[in-house]
Amino acid sequence: MAGKFELSVSKNGKFLFNLKASNGQVILSSPMYESKDSALQGIASCKANASQDERFVRATSSAGEPYFSLKASNGQAIGRSEMYSSTAAMENGIASVKKNAPDAPIKDLSED
């Protein structure tokens, strides 16, 4: 089984998506979007930018935990990872996004 995007609606009515790896683990979460169309554009941007290593911004939280963000060509954040226990684990997360995002189907949970 390959990875997939899950598009959903939050309690406040805004849209968001998660990219899940083939094991079901969330590897990238989007910011909140005002409309479904905007969230779908975010997914398209994620698919387009995920193969480019320079689009991944590697960072460390104030607690010392590594994480990454994926940015579009205009510098806007498309999504962010969870906090990782090590830099190696974070790099595995980035590799998973690169592998899964470009061809991942979209499961639309916003209509359920």
PDB file of N, CA and C in Angstrom:
ATOM      1  N   MET A   1       0.844  -1.194   0.000  1.00  0.00           N
ATOM      2  CA  MET A   1       0.000   0.000   0.000  1.00  0.00           C
ATOM      3  C   MET A   1       0.882   1.248   0.000  1.00  0.00           C
ATOM      4  N   ALA A   2       0.511   2.209  -0.795  1.00  0.00           N
ATOM      5  CA  ALA A   2       1.266   3.457  -0.874  1.00  0.00           C
ATOM      6  C   ALA A   2       0.711   4.475   0.115  1.00  0.00           C
ATOM      7  N   GLY A   3       1.389   5.602   0.201  1.00  0.00           N
ATOM      8  CA  GLY A   3       0.915   6.679   1.053  1.00  0.00           C
ATOM      9  C   GLY A   3      -0.306   7.342   0.448  1.00  0.00           C
ATOM     10  N   LYS A   4      -0.932   8.222   1.244  1.00  0.00           N
ATOM     11  CA  LYS A   4      -2.113   8.933   0.753  1.00  0.00           C
ATOM     12  C   LYS A   4      -2.278  10.252   1.496  1.00  0.00           C
ATOM     13  N   PHE A   5      -2.963  11.167   0.823  1.00  0.00           N
ATOM     14  CA  PHE A   5      -3.385  12.412   1.460  1.00  0.00           C
ATOM     15  C   PHE A   5      -4.786  12.206   2.000  1.00  0.00           C
ATOM     16  N   GLU A   6      -5.032  12.667   3.216  1.00  0.00           N
ATOM     17  CA  GLU A   6      -6.388  12.668   3.769  1.00  0.00           C
ATOM     18  C   GLU A   6      -6.800  14.116   3.973  1.00  0.00           C
ATOM     19  N   LEU A   7      -7.852  14.506   3.283  1.00  0.00           N
ATOM     20  CA  LEU A   7      -8.406  15.857   3.362  1.00  0.00           C
ATOM     21  C   LEU A   7      -9.579  15.826   4.325  1.00  0.00           C
ATOM     22  N   SER A   8      -9.591  16.724   5.300  1.00  0.00           N
ATOM     23  CA  SER A   8     -10.682  16.728   6.281  1.00  0.00           C
ATOM     24  C   SER A   8     -11.053  18.150   6.673  1.00  0.00           C
ATOM     25  N   VAL A   9     -12.130  18.242   7.433  1.00  0.00           N
ATOM     26  CA  VAL A   9     -12.615  19.525   7.943  1.00  0.00           C
ATOM     27  C   VAL A   9     -12.430  19.526   9.457  1.00  0.00           C
ATOM     28  N   SER A  10     -11.868  20.614   9.976  1.00  0.00           N
ATOM     29  CA  SER A  10     -11.682  20.725  11.424  1.00  0.00           C
ATOM     30  C   SER A  10     -12.984  21.161  12.084  1.00  0.00           C
ATOM     31  N   LYS A  11     -12.997  21.151  13.401  1.00  0.00           N
ATOM     32  CA  LYS A  11     -14.207  21.544  14.145  1.00  0.00           C
ATOM     33  C   LYS A  11     -14.614  22.988  13.865  1.00  0.00           C
ATOM     34  N   ASN A  12     -13.631  23.831  13.498  1.00  0.00           N
ATOM     35  CA  ASN A  12     -13.953  25.236  13.225  1.00  0.00           C
ATOM     36  C   ASN A  12     -14.351  25.475  11.770  1.00  0.00           C
ATOM     37  N   GLY A  13     -14.503  24.386  11.004  1.00  0.00           N
ATOM     38  CA  GLY A  13     -14.973  24.504   9.626  1.00  0.00           C
ATOM     39  C   GLY A  13     -13.887  24.756   8.606  1.00  0.00           C
ATOM     40  N   LYS A  14     -12.632  24.792   9.029  1.00  0.00           N
ATOM     41  CA  LYS A  14     -11.538  24.992   8.086  1.00  0.00           C
ATOM     42  C   LYS A  14     -11.032  23.636   7.598  1.00  0.00           C
ATOM     43  N   PHE A  15     -10.365  23.657   6.459  1.00  0.00           N
ATOM     44  CA  PHE A  15      -9.894  22.431   5.827  1.00  0.00           C
ATOM     45  C   PHE A  15      -8.410  22.220   6.101  1.00  0.00           C
ATOM     46  N   LEU A  16      -8.014  20.953   6.174  1.00  0.00           N
ATOM     47  CA  LEU A  16      -6.612  20.614   6.354  1.00  0.00           C
ATOM     48  C   LEU A  16      -6.371  19.245   5.745  1.00  0.00           C
ATOM     49  N   PHE A  17      -5.097  18.938   5.537  1.00  0.00           N
ATOM     50  CA  PHE A  17      -4.766  17.608   5.044  1.00  0.00           C
ATOM     51  C   PHE A  17      -3.571  17.052   5.794  1.00  0.00           C
ATOM     52  N   ASN A  18      -3.518  15.732   5.817  1.00  0.00           N
ATOM     53  CA  ASN A  18      -2.369  14.998   6.340  1.00  0.00           C
ATOM     54  C   ASN A  18      -1.874  14.085   5.238  1.00  0.00           C
ATOM     55  N   LEU A  19      -0.560  14.002   5.111  1.00  0.00           N
ATOM     56  CA  LEU A  19       0.043  12.997   4.245  1.00  0.00           C
ATOM     57  C   LEU A  19       0.420  11.834   5.144  1.00  0.00           C
ATOM     58  N   LYS A  20      -0.100  10.668   4.815  1.00  0.00           N
ATOM     59  CA  LYS A  20       0.192   9.474   5.605  1.00  0.00           C
ATOM     60  C   LYS A  20       1.076   8.528   4.806  1.00  0.00           C
ATOM     61  N   ALA A  21       2.028   7.910   5.506  1.00  0.00           N
ATOM     62  CA  ALA A  21       2.877   6.894   4.884  1.00  0.00           C
ATOM     63  C   ALA A  21       2.073   5.615   4.709  1.00  0.00           C
ATOM     64  N   SER A  22       2.659   4.650   4.036  1.00  0.00           N
ATOM     65  CA  SER A  22       1.950   3.392   3.773  1.00  0.00           C
ATOM     66  C   SER A  22       1.571   2.662   5.055  1.00  0.00           C
ATOM     67  N   ASN A  23       2.291   2.936   6.162  1.00  0.00           N
ATOM     68  CA  ASN A  23       1.962   2.301   7.445  1.00  0.00           C
ATOM     69  C   ASN A  23       0.882   3.067   8.217  1.00  0.00           C
ATOM     70  N   GLY A  24       0.348   4.141   7.619  1.00  0.00           N
ATOM     71  CA  GLY A  24      -0.715   4.911   8.246  1.00  0.00           C
ATOM     72  C   GLY A  24      -0.239   6.045   9.137  1.00  0.00           C
ATOM     73  N   GLN A  25       1.074   6.176   9.312  1.00  0.00           N
ATOM     74  CA  GLN A  25       1.619   7.233  10.166  1.00  0.00           C
ATOM     75  C   GLN A  25       1.585   8.576   9.431  1.00  0.00           C
ATOM     76  N   VAL A  26       1.163   9.621  10.126  1.00  0.00           N
ATOM     77  CA  VAL A  26       1.155  10.964   9.547  1.00  0.00           C
ATOM     78  C   VAL A  26       2.594  11.447   9.419  1.00  0.00           C
ATOM     79  N   ILE A  27       2.997  11.836   8.192  1.00  0.00           N
ATOM     80  CA  ILE A  27       4.358  12.320   7.975  1.00  0.00           C
ATOM     81  C   ILE A  27       4.402  13.803   7.639  1.00  0.00           C
ATOM     82  N   LEU A  28       3.255  14.400   7.318  1.00  0.00           N
ATOM     83  CA  LEU A  28       3.208  15.841   7.036  1.00  0.00           C
ATOM     84  C   LEU A  28       1.789  16.321   7.291  1.00  0.00           C
ATOM     85  N   SER A  29       1.654  17.441   7.997  1.00  0.00           N
ATOM     86  CA  SER A  29       0.340  18.036   8.281  1.00  0.00           C
ATOM     87  C   SER A  29       0.309  19.451   7.734  1.00  0.00           C
ATOM     88  N   SER A  30      -0.801  19.810   7.133  1.00  0.00           N
ATOM     89  CA  SER A  30      -0.936  21.135   6.530  1.00  0.00           C
ATOM     90  C   SER A  30      -1.391  22.167   7.547  1.00  0.00           C
ATOM     91  N   PRO A  31      -1.231  23.436   7.183  1.00  0.00           N
ATOM     92  CA  PRO A  31      -1.904  24.479   7.964  1.00  0.00           C
ATOM     93  C   PRO A  31      -3.407  24.429   7.657  1.00  0.00           C
ATOM     94  N   MET A  32      -4.183  25.233   8.353  1.00  0.00           N
ATOM     95  CA  MET A  32      -5.632  25.310   8.111  1.00  0.00           C
ATOM     96  C   MET A  32      -5.889  26.174   6.873  1.00  0.00           C
ATOM     97  N   TYR A  33      -6.852  25.759   6.086  1.00  0.00           N
ATOM     98  CA  TYR A  33      -7.248  26.500   4.886  1.00  0.00           C
ATOM     99  C   TYR A  33      -8.706  26.931   5.029  1.00  0.00           C
ATOM    100  N   GLU A  34      -9.028  28.094   4.477  1.00  0.00           N
ATOM    101  CA  GLU A  34     -10.394  28.619   4.538  1.00  0.00           C
ATOM    102  C   GLU A  34     -11.358  27.827   3.657  1.00  0.00           C
ATOM    103  N   SER A  35     -10.853  27.302   2.533  1.00  0.00           N
ATOM    104  CA  SER A  35     -11.743  26.605   1.597  1.00  0.00           C
ATOM    105  C   SER A  35     -11.147  25.262   1.188  1.00  0.00           C
ATOM    106  N   LYS A  36     -12.023  24.399   0.705  1.00  0.00           N
ATOM    107  CA  LYS A  36     -11.591  23.089   0.212  1.00  0.00           C
ATOM    108  C   LYS A  36     -10.676  23.261  -0.991  1.00  0.00           C
ATOM    109  N   ASP A  37     -11.003  24.197  -1.874  1.00  0.00           N
ATOM    110  CA  ASP A  37     -10.162  24.443  -3.052  1.00  0.00           C
ATOM    111  C   ASP A  37      -8.741  24.833  -2.646  1.00  0.00           C
ATOM    112  N   SER A  38      -8.620  25.666  -1.627  1.00  0.00           N
ATOM    113  CA  SER A  38      -7.293  26.069  -1.157  1.00  0.00           C
ATOM    114  C   SER A  38      -6.524  24.873  -0.615  1.00  0.00           C
ATOM    115  N   ALA A  39      -7.204  23.992   0.122  1.00  0.00           N
ATOM    116  CA  ALA A  39      -6.555  22.792   0.653  1.00  0.00           C
ATOM    117  C   ALA A  39      -6.113  21.874  -0.487  1.00  0.00           C
ATOM    118  N   LEU A  40      -6.937  21.750  -1.516  1.00  0.00           N
ATOM    119  CA  LEU A  40      -6.570  20.929  -2.678  1.00  0.00           C
ATOM    120  C   LEU A  40      -5.377  21.526  -3.410  1.00  0.00           C
ATOM    121  N   GLN A  41      -5.307  22.855  -3.474  1.00  0.00           N
ATOM    122  CA  GLN A  41      -4.139  23.519  -4.066  1.00  0.00           C
ATOM    123  C   GLN A  41      -2.897  23.251  -3.215  1.00  0.00           C
ATOM    124  N   GLY A  42      -3.074  23.194  -1.894  1.00  0.00           N
ATOM    125  CA  GLY A  42      -1.969  22.867  -0.995  1.00  0.00           C
ATOM    126  C   GLY A  42      -1.447  21.459  -1.253  1.00  0.00           C
ATOM    127  N   ILE A  43      -2.362  20.519  -1.474  1.00  0.00           N
ATOM    128  CA  ILE A  43      -1.956  19.145  -1.791  1.00  0.00           C
ATOM    129  C   ILE A  43      -1.195  19.120  -3.116  1.00  0.00           C
ATOM    130  N   ALA A  44      -1.700  19.828  -4.111  1.00  0.00           N
ATOM    131  CA  ALA A  44      -1.026  19.880  -5.415  1.00  0.00           C
ATOM    132  C   ALA A  44       0.380  20.472  -5.259  1.00  0.00           C
ATOM    133  N   SER A  45       0.499  21.499  -4.443  1.00  0.00           N
ATOM    134  CA  SER A  45       1.803  22.118  -4.199  1.00  0.00           C
ATOM    135  C   SER A  45       2.734  21.160  -3.475  1.00  0.00           C
ATOM    136  N   CYS A  46       2.187  20.410  -2.546  1.00  0.00           N
ATOM    137  CA  CYS A  46       2.974  19.409  -1.821  1.00  0.00           C
ATOM    138  C   CYS A  46       3.506  18.362  -2.792  1.00  0.00           C
ATOM    139  N   LYS A  47       2.651  17.876  -3.677  1.00  0.00           N
ATOM    140  CA  LYS A  47       3.070  16.882  -4.666  1.00  0.00           C
ATOM    141  C   LYS A  47       4.174  17.446  -5.560  1.00  0.00           C
ATOM    142  N   ALA A  48       4.031  18.715  -5.959  1.00  0.00           N
ATOM    143  CA  ALA A  48       4.990  19.332  -6.872  1.00  0.00           C
ATOM    144  C   ALA A  48       6.336  19.632  -6.215  1.00  0.00           C
ATOM    145  N   ASN A  49       6.332  19.953  -4.942  1.00  0.00           N
ATOM    146  CA  ASN A  49       7.554  20.387  -4.264  1.00  0.00           C
ATOM    147  C   ASN A  49       8.270  19.292  -3.480  1.00  0.00           C
ATOM    148  N   ALA A  50       7.602  18.170  -3.224  1.00  0.00           N
ATOM    149  CA  ALA A  50       8.152  17.135  -2.344  1.00  0.00           C
ATOM    150  C   ALA A  50       9.424  16.489  -2.872  1.00  0.00           C
ATOM    151  N   SER A  51       9.630  16.509  -4.174  1.00  0.00           N
ATOM    152  CA  SER A  51      10.811  15.852  -4.733  1.00  0.00           C
ATOM    153  C   SER A  51      12.061  16.736  -4.680  1.00  0.00           C
ATOM    154  N   GLN A  52      11.897  17.996  -4.274  1.00  0.00           N
ATOM    155  CA  GLN A  52      13.014  18.950  -4.272  1.00  0.00           C
ATOM    156  C   GLN A  52      13.543  19.148  -2.856  1.00  0.00           C
ATOM    157  N   ASP A  53      14.738  18.637  -2.608  1.00  0.00           N
ATOM    158  CA  ASP A  53      15.300  18.671  -1.253  1.00  0.00           C
ATOM    159  C   ASP A  53      15.402  20.090  -0.697  1.00  0.00           C
ATOM    160  N   GLU A  54      15.673  21.068  -1.573  1.00  0.00           N
ATOM    161  CA  GLU A  54      15.836  22.453  -1.085  1.00  0.00           C
ATOM    162  C   GLU A  54      14.535  23.053  -0.563  1.00  0.00           C
ATOM    163  N   ARG A  55      13.407  22.407  -0.818  1.00  0.00           N
ATOM    164  CA  ARG A  55      12.108  22.879  -0.310  1.00  0.00           C
ATOM    165  C   ARG A  55      11.863  22.441   1.143  1.00  0.00           C
ATOM    166  N   PHE A  56      12.695  21.532   1.642  1.00  0.00           N
ATOM    167  CA  PHE A  56      12.554  21.074   3.024  1.00  0.00           C
ATOM    168  C   PHE A  56      13.410  21.930   3.937  1.00  0.00           C
ATOM    169  N   VAL A  57      12.778  22.507   4.947  1.00  0.00           N
ATOM    170  CA  VAL A  57      13.486  23.319   5.933  1.00  0.00           C
ATOM    171  C   VAL A  57      13.619  22.477   7.194  1.00  0.00           C
ATOM    172  N   ARG A  58      14.848  22.148   7.524  1.00  0.00           N
ATOM    173  CA  ARG A  58      15.123  21.351   8.713  1.00  0.00           C
ATOM    174  C   ARG A  58      15.306  22.285   9.894  1.00  0.00           C
ATOM    175  N   ALA A  59      14.665  21.956  11.004  1.00  0.00           N
ATOM    176  CA  ALA A  59      14.696  22.843  12.172  1.00  0.00           C
ATOM    177  C   ALA A  59      14.702  22.014  13.452  1.00  0.00           C
ATOM    178  N   THR A  60      14.880  22.714  14.564  1.00  0.00           N
ATOM    179  CA  THR A  60      14.857  22.078  15.877  1.00  0.00           C
ATOM    180  C   THR A  60      13.940  22.887  16.783  1.00  0.00           C
ATOM    181  N   SER A  61      13.069  22.203  17.504  1.00  0.00           N
ATOM    182  CA  SER A  61      12.137  22.872  18.418  1.00  0.00           C
ATOM    183  C   SER A  61      12.882  23.420  19.628  1.00  0.00           C
ATOM    184  N   SER A  62      12.205  24.234  20.415  1.00  0.00           N
ATOM    185  CA  SER A  62      12.819  24.788  21.634  1.00  0.00           C
ATOM    186  C   SER A  62      13.163  23.679  22.626  1.00  0.00           C
ATOM    187  N   ALA A  63      12.521  22.517  22.481  1.00  0.00           N
ATOM    188  CA  ALA A  63      12.812  21.370  23.349  1.00  0.00           C
ATOM    189  C   ALA A  63      13.941  20.498  22.782  1.00  0.00           C
ATOM    190  N   GLY A  64      14.524  20.945  21.652  1.00  0.00           N
ATOM    191  CA  GLY A  64      15.633  20.210  21.069  1.00  0.00           C
ATOM    192  C   GLY A  64      15.242  19.072  20.148  1.00  0.00           C
ATOM    193  N   GLU A  65      13.963  19.028  19.745  1.00  0.00           N
ATOM    194  CA  GLU A  65      13.490  17.948  18.881  1.00  0.00           C
ATOM    195  C   GLU A  65      13.537  18.382  17.409  1.00  0.00           C
ATOM    196  N   PRO A  66      14.155  17.571  16.545  1.00  0.00           N
ATOM    197  CA  PRO A  66      14.189  17.918  15.122  1.00  0.00           C
ATOM    198  C   PRO A  66      12.815  17.764  14.469  1.00  0.00           C
ATOM    199  N   TYR A  67      12.541  18.638  13.492  1.00  0.00           N
ATOM    200  CA  TYR A  67      11.337  18.542  12.676  1.00  0.00           C
ATOM    201  C   TYR A  67      11.629  19.229  11.353  1.00  0.00           C
ATOM    202  N   PHE A  68      10.701  19.122  10.408  1.00  0.00           N
ATOM    203  CA  PHE A  68      10.893  19.807   9.138  1.00  0.00           C
ATOM    204  C   PHE A  68       9.597  20.430   8.654  1.00  0.00           C
ATOM    205  N   SER A  69       9.764  21.417   7.784  1.00  0.00           N
ATOM    206  CA  SER A  69       8.648  22.040   7.075  1.00  0.00           C
ATOM    207  C   SER A  69       8.904  21.877   5.590  1.00  0.00           C
ATOM    208  N   LEU A  70       7.836  21.806   4.815  1.00  0.00           N
ATOM    209  CA  LEU A  70       7.932  21.794   3.360  1.00  0.00           C
ATOM    210  C   LEU A  70       7.406  23.134   2.881  1.00  0.00           C
ATOM    211  N   LYS A  71       8.213  23.811   2.071  1.00  0.00           N
ATOM    212  CA  LYS A  71       7.843  25.138   1.573  1.00  0.00           C
ATOM    213  C   LYS A  71       7.618  25.090   0.066  1.00  0.00           C
ATOM    214  N   ALA A  72       6.723  25.938  -0.405  1.00  0.00           N
ATOM    215  CA  ALA A  72       6.493  26.098  -1.843  1.00  0.00           C
ATOM    216  C   ALA A  72       7.593  26.998  -2.417  1.00  0.00           C
ATOM    217  N   SER A  73       7.619  27.136  -3.733  1.00  0.00           N
ATOM    218  CA  SER A  73       8.647  27.955  -4.385  1.00  0.00           C
ATOM    219  C   SER A  73       8.568  29.419  -3.946  1.00  0.00           C
ATOM    220  N   ASN A  74       7.382  29.861  -3.491  1.00  0.00           N
ATOM    221  CA  ASN A  74       7.233  31.240  -3.022  1.00  0.00           C
ATOM    222  C   ASN A  74       7.593  31.402  -1.538  1.00  0.00           C
ATOM    223  N   GLY A  75       8.046  30.310  -0.916  1.00  0.00           N
ATOM    224  CA  GLY A  75       8.449  30.366   0.486  1.00  0.00           C
ATOM    225  C   GLY A  75       7.332  30.095   1.478  1.00  0.00           C
ATOM    226  N   GLN A  76       6.120  29.926   0.982  1.00  0.00           N
ATOM    227  CA  GLN A  76       4.980  29.674   1.869  1.00  0.00           C
ATOM    228  C   GLN A  76       5.018  28.235   2.374  1.00  0.00           C
ATOM    229  N   ALA A  77       4.718  28.056   3.661  1.00  0.00           N
ATOM    230  CA  ALA A  77       4.708  26.715   4.254  1.00  0.00           C
ATOM    231  C   ALA A  77       3.530  25.908   3.716  1.00  0.00           C
ATOM    232  N   ILE A  78       3.821  24.686   3.280  1.00  0.00           N
ATOM    233  CA  ILE A  78       2.784  23.778   2.787  1.00  0.00           C
ATOM    234  C   ILE A  78       2.404  22.788   3.878  1.00  0.00           C
ATOM    235  N   GLY A  79       3.393  22.376   4.646  1.00  0.00           N
ATOM    236  CA  GLY A  79       3.135  21.393   5.688  1.00  0.00           C
ATOM    237  C   GLY A  79       4.308  21.271   6.634  1.00  0.00           C
ATOM    238  N   ARG A  80       4.044  20.600   7.749  1.00  0.00           N
ATOM    239  CA  ARG A  80       5.052  20.447   8.784  1.00  0.00           C
ATOM    240  C   ARG A  80       4.991  19.033   9.344  1.00  0.00           C
ATOM    241  N   SER A  81       6.137  18.552   9.773  1.00  0.00           N
ATOM    242  CA  SER A  81       6.214  17.202  10.323  1.00  0.00           C
ATOM    243  C   SER A  81       5.903  17.205  11.807  1.00  0.00           C
ATOM    244  N   GLU A  82       5.879  16.007  12.358  1.00  0.00           N
ATOM    245  CA  GLU A  82       5.842  15.833  13.801  1.00  0.00           C
ATOM    246  C   GLU A  82       7.240  16.133  14.358  1.00  0.00           C
ATOM    247  N   MET A  83       7.375  16.087  15.662  1.00  0.00           N
ATOM    248  CA  MET A  83       8.684  16.202  16.290  1.00  0.00           C
ATOM    249  C   MET A  83       9.326  14.818  16.290  1.00  0.00           C
ATOM    250  N   TYR A  84      10.601  14.779  15.979  1.00  0.00           N
ATOM    251  CA  TYR A  84      11.321  13.507  15.910  1.00  0.00           C
ATOM    252  C   TYR A  84      12.301  13.379  17.071  1.00  0.00           C
ATOM    253  N   SER A  85      12.680  12.135  17.344  1.00  0.00           N
ATOM    254  CA  SER A  85      13.594  11.843  18.448  1.00  0.00           C
ATOM    255  C   SER A  85      15.046  12.072  18.048  1.00  0.00           C
ATOM    256  N   SER A  86      15.325  12.089  16.741  1.00  0.00           N
ATOM    257  CA  SER A  86      16.705  12.270  16.286  1.00  0.00           C
ATOM    258  C   SER A  86      16.708  12.869  14.887  1.00  0.00           C
ATOM    259  N   THR A  87      17.863  13.409  14.501  1.00  0.00           N
ATOM    260  CA  THR A  87      18.015  13.953  13.153  1.00  0.00           C
ATOM    261  C   THR A  87      17.852  12.847  12.115  1.00  0.00           C
ATOM    262  N   ALA A  88      18.371  11.655  12.407  1.00  0.00           N
ATOM    263  CA  ALA A  88      18.240  10.530  11.473  1.00  0.00           C
ATOM    264  C   ALA A  88      16.771  10.180  11.252  1.00  0.00           C
ATOM    265  N   ALA A  89      15.980  10.180  12.321  1.00  0.00           N
ATOM    266  CA  ALA A  89      14.546   9.886  12.199  1.00  0.00           C
ATOM    267  C   ALA A  89      13.855  10.965  11.361  1.00  0.00           C
ATOM    268  N   MET A  90      14.250  12.227  11.552  1.00  0.00           N
ATOM    269  CA  MET A  90      13.688  13.323  10.753  1.00  0.00           C
ATOM    270  C   MET A  90      14.034  13.136   9.276  1.00  0.00           C
ATOM    271  N   GLU A  91      15.276  12.777   8.984  1.00  0.00           N
ATOM    272  CA  GLU A  91      15.681  12.561   7.591  1.00  0.00           C
ATOM    273  C   GLU A  91      14.891  11.406   6.970  1.00  0.00           C
ATOM    274  N   ASN A  92      14.583  10.387   7.751  1.00  0.00           N
ATOM    275  CA  ASN A  92      13.728   9.295   7.273  1.00  0.00           C
ATOM    276  C   ASN A  92      12.330   9.814   6.951  1.00  0.00           C
ATOM    277  N   GLY A  93      11.837  10.749   7.777  1.00  0.00           N
ATOM    278  CA  GLY A  93      10.537  11.369   7.514  1.00  0.00           C
ATOM    279  C   GLY A  93      10.537  12.146   6.211  1.00  0.00           C
ATOM    280  N   ILE A  94      11.594  12.907   5.970  1.00  0.00           N
ATOM    281  CA  ILE A  94      11.723  13.661   4.715  1.00  0.00           C
ATOM    282  C   ILE A  94      11.757  12.701   3.532  1.00  0.00           C
ATOM    283  N   ALA A  95      12.535  11.629   3.655  1.00  0.00           N
ATOM    284  CA  ALA A  95      12.612  10.627   2.584  1.00  0.00           C
ATOM    285  C   ALA A  95      11.238  10.020   2.316  1.00  0.00           C
ATOM    286  N   SER A  96      10.465   9.807   3.366  1.00  0.00           N
ATOM    287  CA  SER A  96       9.126   9.246   3.220  1.00  0.00           C
ATOM    288  C   SER A  96       8.197  10.212   2.485  1.00  0.00           C
ATOM    289  N   VAL A  97       8.295  11.512   2.796  1.00  0.00           N
ATOM    290  CA  VAL A  97       7.486  12.513   2.085  1.00  0.00           C
ATOM    291  C   VAL A  97       7.876  12.525   0.609  1.00  0.00           C
ATOM    292  N   LYS A  98       9.187  12.516   0.328  1.00  0.00           N
ATOM    293  CA  LYS A  98       9.655  12.530  -1.065  1.00  0.00           C
ATOM    294  C   LYS A  98       9.137  11.312  -1.833  1.00  0.00           C
ATOM    295  N   LYS A  99       9.090  10.175  -1.161  1.00  0.00           N
ATOM    296  CA  LYS A  99       8.665   8.924  -1.796  1.00  0.00           C
ATOM    297  C   LYS A  99       7.144   8.875  -1.978  1.00  0.00           C
ATOM    298  N   ASN A 100       6.404   9.303  -0.960  1.00  0.00           N
ATOM    299  CA  ASN A 100       4.950   9.120  -0.956  1.00  0.00           C
ATOM    300  C   ASN A 100       4.156  10.244  -1.615  1.00  0.00           C
ATOM    301  N   ALA A 101       4.573  11.494  -1.438  1.00  0.00           N
ATOM    302  CA  ALA A 101       3.740  12.624  -1.851  1.00  0.00           C
ATOM    303  C   ALA A 101       3.461  12.725  -3.350  1.00  0.00           C
ATOM    304  N   PRO A 102       4.467  12.570  -4.224  1.00  0.00           N
ATOM    305  CA  PRO A 102       4.206  12.856  -5.644  1.00  0.00           C
ATOM    306  C   PRO A 102       3.053  12.075  -6.270  1.00  0.00           C
ATOM    307  N   ASP A 103       2.865  10.822  -5.894  1.00  0.00           N
ATOM    308  CA  ASP A 103       1.828   9.993  -6.516  1.00  0.00           C
ATOM    309  C   ASP A 103       0.701   9.606  -5.567  1.00  0.00           C
ATOM    310  N   ALA A 104       0.680  10.199  -4.385  1.00  0.00           N
ATOM    311  CA  ALA A 104      -0.308   9.791  -3.380  1.00  0.00           C
ATOM    312  C   ALA A 104      -1.721  10.189  -3.801  1.00  0.00           C
ATOM    313  N   PRO A 105      -2.669   9.247  -3.697  1.00  0.00           N
ATOM    314  CA  PRO A 105      -4.065   9.592  -3.963  1.00  0.00           C
ATOM    315  C   PRO A 105      -4.629  10.438  -2.818  1.00  0.00           C
ATOM    316  N   ILE A 106      -5.751  11.076  -3.082  1.00  0.00           N
ATOM    317  CA  ILE A 106      -6.411  11.911  -2.074  1.00  0.00           C
ATOM    318  C   ILE A 106      -7.671  11.206  -1.586  1.00  0.00           C
ATOM    319  N   LYS A 107      -7.744  10.991  -0.288  1.00  0.00           N
ATOM    320  CA  LYS A 107      -8.959  10.456   0.332  1.00  0.00           C
ATOM    321  C   LYS A 107      -9.671  11.641   0.957  1.00  0.00           C
ATOM    322  N   ASP A 108     -10.844  11.947   0.450  1.00  0.00           N
ATOM    323  CA  ASP A 108     -11.589  13.124   0.898  1.00  0.00           C
ATOM    324  C   ASP A 108     -12.518  12.732   2.047  1.00  0.00           C
ATOM    325  N   LEU A 109     -12.110  13.080   3.266  1.00  0.00           N
ATOM    326  CA  LEU A 109     -12.916  12.799   4.458  1.00  0.00           C
ATOM    327  C   LEU A 109     -13.855  13.970   4.774  1.00  0.00           C
ATOM    328  N   SER A 110     -13.732  15.061   4.022  1.00  0.00           N
ATOM    329  CA  SER A 110     -14.538  16.248   4.324  1.00  0.00           C
ATOM    330  C   SER A 110     -15.992  16.055   3.926  1.00  0.00           C
ATOM    331  N   GLU A 111     -16.263  15.024   3.166  1.00  0.00           N
ATOM    332  CA  GLU A 111     -17.648  14.791   2.710  1.00  0.00           C
ATOM    333  C   GLU A 111     -18.335  13.701   3.518  1.00  0.00           C
ATOM    334  N   ASP A 112     -17.619  13.118   4.476  1.00  0.00           N
ATOM    335  CA  ASP A 112     -18.211  12.060   5.306  1.00  0.00           C
ATOM    336  C   ASP A 112     -19.139  12.614   6.348  1.00  0.00           C
TER     337      ASP A 112
END
